[in-house]
Amino acid sequence: MAPRVTRNDLAMSAVVLLWGANFTAIRVALDEIPPLTFTAIRFTLASVALWGLLRLREGSAGFPPGTGWRMVWLGVVGNTAYQTLFVAGLARTTVANASLLLATSPVMVALGAGLLRVERVSRQVAAGIALAFAGASVILLGRGAAIGRETILGDLLVWGAAACWAAYTLGLRKLGRDVSPLRVTTLTTITGTPGLVLAALPEWDGVAWAGIGAAGWLGLGYSTVLALILAYFLWNESVRQVGGSRTAVYVCAVPLVAMLIAWPTLGEAPTGLALLGASLIVGGLLLARRT
């Protein structure tokens, strides 16, 4: 009998949808806002909003006892380093390459979880991750992903970003279940923001603020409220509930959603390879979530 659809499945499906659409939102916003400035504004706004929400919901916004340095480490690795490497890498490689390299993070999470004994990775989950990653690879290779001399630096930077996200996911698992997902999301966003602001300072004076139109601000708003605040909260909750490996496998479905969104909006009809890849991704997700 097929496993029932759980609340966590629905939450992670929402994350996949939000992140899949975020590629388009970021592309629109970056036409008007420089990338590092965009990221710094995004995380500053998110930090303020999350801090206020945490104070309202839980009464304080302090570090739980014994978690201060871990929250700082998670914020720097999962936000400062990840976002900086991703933005710098995307500027030097193709979207297809970047999507494929980011889809390697579930593999890194599974390997890291096993080596560090953070959680047990069953053969079924490992097989599901491998199948879903194969599907993402088929889709993206069909769309022109290829490693070459022109993109190698950007590819390495994005691969480094994927490694940072894997480390962040594994680090979340070691926090335990006593810290709420809202507190984790808030504190790691706040501790990761100063580095992003510093990275953006050199391009700050060159921003044409008066020239930013509605599309740019809407892209920034979507990427902040939905793809960052809401999606990070749901991700952190899923890691706490079902573990890093079973959560990370959903990343493989993000390229599929990006492709489906590009079909009606950009007229990029899916190919036969894309449909094959989609089937592999769905099969991998179903296999990984079975208990």
Protein backbone atom coordinates (compact mmCIF):
# COMPACT_ATOMS: atom_id res chain seq x y z
CA MET A 1 0.00 0.00 0.00
CA ALA A 2 1.32 3.44 -0.92
CA PRO A 3 2.27 5.69 2.02
CA ARG A 4 -0.23 8.38 2.89
CA VAL A 5 0.45 12.02 2.14
CA THR A 6 1.58 13.69 5.35
CA ARG A 7 1.63 17.27 6.53
CA ASN A 8 5.40 17.27 6.00
CA ASP A 9 4.97 16.14 2.38
CA LEU A 10 2.64 19.07 1.75
CA ALA A 11 5.01 21.51 3.47
CA MET A 12 8.03 20.36 1.45
CA SER A 13 5.99 20.41 -1.76
CA ALA A 14 5.28 24.06 -0.96
CA VAL A 15 9.02 24.68 -0.50
CA VAL A 16 9.75 23.11 -3.88
CA LEU A 17 7.12 25.33 -5.53
CA LEU A 18 8.42 28.45 -3.81
CA TRP A 19 12.06 27.78 -4.69
CA GLY A 20 11.22 26.71 -8.24
CA ALA A 21 9.43 30.01 -8.87
CA ASN A 22 12.18 31.92 -7.06
CA PHE A 23 14.56 31.54 -10.02
CA THR A 24 12.18 33.67 -12.09
CA ALA A 25 11.62 36.17 -9.27
CA ILE A 26 15.36 36.62 -8.74
CA ARG A 27 16.02 36.99 -12.47
CA VAL A 28 13.40 39.75 -12.68
CA ALA A 29 14.74 41.59 -9.63
CA LEU A 30 18.40 41.31 -10.68
CA ASP A 31 17.62 43.20 -13.87
CA GLU A 32 17.22 46.27 -11.64
CA ILE A 33 19.09 45.52 -8.39
CA PRO A 34 22.75 44.35 -8.19
CA PRO A 35 23.00 40.78 -6.83
CA LEU A 36 24.88 41.37 -3.58
CA THR A 37 22.74 44.40 -2.76
CA PHE A 38 19.62 42.36 -3.51
CA THR A 39 20.76 39.62 -1.13
CA ALA A 40 21.72 42.08 1.63
CA ILE A 41 18.35 43.88 1.48
CA ARG A 42 16.51 40.56 1.36
CA PHE A 43 18.17 39.21 4.50
CA THR A 44 18.00 42.50 6.40
CA LEU A 45 14.26 42.72 5.83
CA ALA A 46 13.84 39.05 6.72
CA SER A 47 15.85 39.48 9.93
CA VAL A 48 13.68 42.37 11.11
CA ALA A 49 10.42 40.58 10.25
CA LEU A 50 11.47 37.29 11.84
CA TRP A 51 12.77 39.02 14.99
CA GLY A 52 9.43 40.77 15.46
CA LEU A 53 7.48 37.56 14.79
CA LEU A 54 9.61 35.58 17.23
CA ARG A 55 9.16 38.20 19.96
CA LEU A 56 5.41 38.17 19.35
CA ARG A 57 5.07 34.37 19.31
CA GLU A 58 7.62 33.29 21.95
CA GLY A 59 8.26 36.40 24.05
CA SER A 60 12.02 36.68 23.49
CA ALA A 61 14.53 36.42 20.67
CA GLY A 62 17.58 35.21 22.60
CA PHE A 63 19.78 32.18 22.03
CA PRO A 64 18.68 29.06 23.90
CA PRO A 65 21.29 27.97 26.50
CA GLY A 66 24.29 26.31 24.91
CA THR A 67 23.32 27.10 21.30
CA GLY A 68 24.86 30.53 20.75
CA TRP A 69 27.98 29.56 18.80
CA ARG A 70 26.11 26.86 16.89
CA MET A 71 23.49 29.39 15.75
CA VAL A 72 26.26 31.76 14.63
CA TRP A 73 28.01 28.94 12.76
CA LEU A 74 24.79 27.85 11.07
CA GLY A 75 23.97 31.43 10.07
CA VAL A 76 27.41 32.07 8.59
CA VAL A 77 27.60 28.75 6.70
CA GLY A 78 23.94 28.41 5.67
CA ASN A 79 23.31 32.06 4.85
CA THR A 80 26.45 34.22 4.51
CA ALA A 81 28.64 31.66 2.74
CA TYR A 82 25.87 29.88 0.85
CA GLN A 83 24.25 33.03 -0.53
CA THR A 84 27.55 34.72 -1.42
CA LEU A 85 28.91 31.66 -3.23
CA PHE A 86 25.61 31.05 -5.01
CA VAL A 87 25.23 34.63 -6.29
CA ALA A 88 28.91 34.86 -7.32
CA GLY A 89 28.74 31.47 -9.01
CA LEU A 90 25.47 32.15 -10.86
CA ALA A 91 27.05 35.28 -12.34
CA ARG A 92 29.83 33.11 -13.85
CA THR A 93 27.95 30.03 -15.04
CA THR A 94 24.65 29.03 -16.59
CA VAL A 95 21.35 28.57 -14.78
CA ALA A 96 21.28 24.94 -15.95
CA ASN A 97 24.73 24.26 -14.50
CA ALA A 98 23.86 26.01 -11.24
CA SER A 99 20.61 24.06 -10.85
CA LEU A 100 22.37 20.76 -11.47
CA LEU A 101 25.16 21.48 -9.00
CA LEU A 102 22.73 22.60 -6.30
CA ALA A 103 20.83 19.34 -6.83
CA THR A 104 23.92 17.50 -5.52
CA SER A 105 23.25 18.76 -1.98
CA PRO A 106 20.94 15.82 -1.06
CA VAL A 107 23.74 13.43 -1.97
CA MET A 108 26.13 15.41 0.24
CA VAL A 109 23.62 15.39 3.10
CA ALA A 110 23.16 11.62 2.88
CA LEU A 111 26.91 10.97 2.76
CA GLY A 112 27.59 13.43 5.58
CA ALA A 113 24.82 12.04 7.75
CA GLY A 114 26.24 8.55 7.40
CA LEU A 115 29.88 9.51 7.95
CA LEU A 116 29.16 11.79 10.93
CA ARG A 117 26.48 9.46 12.30
CA VAL A 118 24.07 12.36 12.58
CA GLU A 119 21.23 10.11 11.43
CA ARG A 120 20.79 6.69 9.90
CA VAL A 121 20.35 6.77 6.13
CA SER A 122 18.46 3.68 5.00
CA ARG A 123 19.13 1.99 1.68
CA GLN A 124 15.66 3.04 0.59
CA VAL A 125 16.33 6.74 1.27
CA ALA A 126 19.76 6.51 -0.40
CA ALA A 127 18.21 4.86 -3.47
CA GLY A 128 15.49 7.51 -3.60
CA ILE A 129 18.07 10.31 -3.47
CA ALA A 130 20.11 8.66 -6.24
CA LEU A 131 17.01 8.22 -8.42
CA ALA A 132 15.82 11.80 -7.89
CA PHE A 133 19.29 13.22 -8.59
CA ALA A 134 19.46 11.16 -11.78
CA GLY A 135 16.13 12.68 -12.82
CA ALA A 136 17.36 16.23 -12.13
CA SER A 137 20.51 15.49 -14.13
CA VAL A 138 18.51 14.22 -17.11
CA ILE A 139 16.35 17.36 -17.12
CA LEU A 140 19.24 19.78 -16.83
CA LEU A 141 21.58 18.02 -19.24
CA GLY A 142 18.74 18.13 -21.75
CA ARG A 143 18.53 21.89 -21.19
CA GLY A 144 22.22 22.48 -21.89
CA ALA A 145 24.08 21.92 -18.63
CA ALA A 146 27.75 21.27 -19.43
CA ILE A 147 31.05 21.76 -17.64
CA GLY A 148 33.55 23.83 -19.64
CA ARG A 149 36.49 26.20 -19.31
CA GLU A 150 34.19 29.24 -19.54
CA THR A 151 32.05 28.17 -16.59
CA ILE A 152 34.45 26.23 -14.37
CA LEU A 153 34.96 29.01 -11.79
CA GLY A 154 31.23 29.64 -11.47
CA ASP A 155 30.58 25.90 -11.31
CA LEU A 156 33.05 25.50 -8.45
CA LEU A 157 31.50 28.41 -6.55
CA VAL A 158 27.98 26.97 -6.89
CA TRP A 159 29.23 23.53 -5.89
CA GLY A 160 30.73 25.18 -2.80
CA ALA A 161 27.32 26.74 -2.11
CA ALA A 162 25.72 23.28 -2.32
CA ALA A 163 28.28 21.98 0.19
CA CYS A 164 27.44 24.86 2.55
CA TRP A 165 23.72 24.06 2.32
CA ALA A 166 24.44 20.40 3.08
CA ALA A 167 26.51 21.39 6.13
CA TYR A 168 23.73 23.74 7.29
CA THR A 169 21.14 20.96 6.98
CA LEU A 170 23.29 18.51 8.95
CA GLY A 171 23.99 21.17 11.58
CA LEU A 172 20.26 21.75 12.05
CA ARG A 173 19.81 18.08 12.85
CA LYS A 174 22.32 18.30 15.71
CA LEU A 175 20.34 21.10 17.38
CA GLY A 176 17.75 18.61 18.58
CA ARG A 177 14.00 19.06 18.91
CA ASP A 178 13.91 21.50 21.85
CA VAL A 179 14.47 24.66 19.77
CA SER A 180 11.48 25.78 17.71
CA PRO A 181 11.85 26.05 13.91
CA LEU A 182 10.84 29.73 14.13
CA ARG A 183 13.67 30.47 16.58
CA VAL A 184 16.19 28.55 14.47
CA THR A 185 15.09 30.34 11.30
CA THR A 186 15.21 33.75 12.99
CA LEU A 187 18.56 33.39 14.71
CA THR A 188 20.39 31.84 11.76
CA THR A 189 19.00 34.54 9.47
CA ILE A 190 20.13 37.29 11.85
CA THR A 191 23.61 35.84 12.38
CA GLY A 192 24.07 35.35 8.64
CA THR A 193 23.03 38.87 7.65
CA PRO A 194 26.04 41.03 8.74
CA GLY A 195 28.42 39.21 6.40
CA LEU A 196 26.02 39.68 3.49
CA VAL A 197 25.69 43.40 4.23
CA LEU A 198 29.49 43.79 4.32
CA ALA A 199 29.82 41.93 1.01
CA ALA A 200 27.33 44.32 -0.61
CA LEU A 201 28.96 47.57 0.54
CA PRO A 202 31.30 47.99 -2.49
CA GLU A 203 28.37 48.08 -4.95
CA TRP A 204 25.97 50.02 -2.70
CA ASP A 205 26.84 53.51 -4.00
CA GLY A 206 26.30 52.45 -7.59
CA VAL A 207 22.69 51.33 -7.14
CA ALA A 208 20.20 53.36 -9.18
CA TRP A 209 17.48 53.36 -6.53
CA ALA A 210 15.17 55.68 -8.48
CA GLY A 211 15.29 53.33 -11.44
CA ILE A 212 13.99 50.27 -9.59
CA GLY A 213 10.46 49.59 -10.81
CA ALA A 214 7.52 47.59 -9.51
CA ALA A 215 8.85 44.34 -11.00
CA GLY A 216 12.12 44.68 -9.11
CA TRP A 217 10.43 45.37 -5.77
CA LEU A 218 7.88 42.59 -6.31
CA GLY A 219 10.69 40.15 -7.10
CA LEU A 220 12.50 41.23 -3.94
CA GLY A 221 9.30 40.88 -1.89
CA TYR A 222 8.54 37.39 -3.18
CA SER A 223 12.11 36.24 -2.67
CA THR A 224 12.15 37.63 0.89
CA VAL A 225 8.74 36.72 2.29
CA LEU A 226 7.98 33.46 0.51
CA ALA A 227 11.24 31.94 -0.75
CA LEU A 228 13.25 32.95 2.33
CA ILE A 229 11.12 33.43 5.45
CA LEU A 230 8.38 30.88 4.76
CA ALA A 231 10.47 28.32 2.88
CA TYR A 232 13.33 28.35 5.43
CA PHE A 233 10.85 27.90 8.26
CA LEU A 234 9.25 24.89 6.53
CA TRP A 235 12.68 23.42 5.71
CA ASN A 236 13.90 23.72 9.30
CA GLU A 237 10.70 22.15 10.60
CA SER A 238 11.04 19.23 8.16
CA VAL A 239 14.66 18.57 9.18
CA ARG A 240 13.52 18.45 12.80
CA GLN A 241 10.61 16.11 12.03
CA VAL A 242 11.95 13.62 9.47
CA GLY A 243 15.71 14.25 9.23
CA GLY A 244 18.11 15.93 6.85
CA SER A 245 18.32 13.21 4.20
CA ARG A 246 14.58 12.80 3.68
CA THR A 247 14.18 16.57 3.61
CA ALA A 248 17.08 17.27 1.26
CA VAL A 249 15.83 14.90 -1.45
CA TYR A 250 13.11 17.43 -2.29
CA VAL A 251 15.79 19.79 -3.66
CA CYS A 252 16.00 17.49 -6.69
CA ALA A 253 12.44 18.48 -7.63
CA VAL A 254 13.21 22.22 -7.78
CA PRO A 255 14.57 22.08 -11.38
CA LEU A 256 11.40 20.23 -12.40
CA VAL A 257 9.20 23.00 -11.01
CA ALA A 258 11.40 25.66 -12.60
CA MET A 259 10.95 23.89 -15.94
CA LEU A 260 7.18 23.67 -15.56
CA ILE A 261 6.96 27.37 -14.68
CA ALA A 262 9.13 28.29 -17.69
CA TRP A 263 6.77 26.36 -20.02
CA PRO A 264 3.79 28.78 -19.91
CA THR A 265 5.75 31.92 -18.98
CA LEU A 266 8.72 31.62 -21.34
CA GLY A 267 7.33 29.18 -23.91
CA GLU A 268 9.97 26.53 -23.12
CA ALA A 269 8.03 23.31 -23.78
CA PRO A 270 9.43 20.23 -21.99
CA THR A 271 11.27 17.67 -24.13
CA GLY A 272 11.09 13.89 -23.95
CA LEU A 273 14.22 13.89 -21.79
CA ALA A 274 12.55 16.34 -19.42
CA LEU A 275 9.53 14.08 -19.04
CA LEU A 276 11.82 11.10 -18.37
CA GLY A 277 13.67 13.14 -15.74
CA ALA A 278 10.40 14.17 -14.14
CA SER A 279 9.36 10.54 -13.83
CA LEU A 280 12.67 9.66 -12.16
CA ILE A 281 12.35 12.55 -9.70
CA VAL A 282 8.80 11.59 -8.71
CA GLY A 283 9.85 7.97 -8.30
CA GLY A 284 12.84 8.96 -6.18
CA LEU A 285 10.75 11.16 -3.90
CA LEU A 286 8.16 8.42 -3.41
CA LEU A 287 10.89 5.88 -2.64
CA ALA A 288 12.78 8.14 -0.20
CA ARG A 289 9.69 9.02 1.84
CA ARG A 290 8.54 5.44 2.36
CA THR A 291 9.09 4.16 5.90
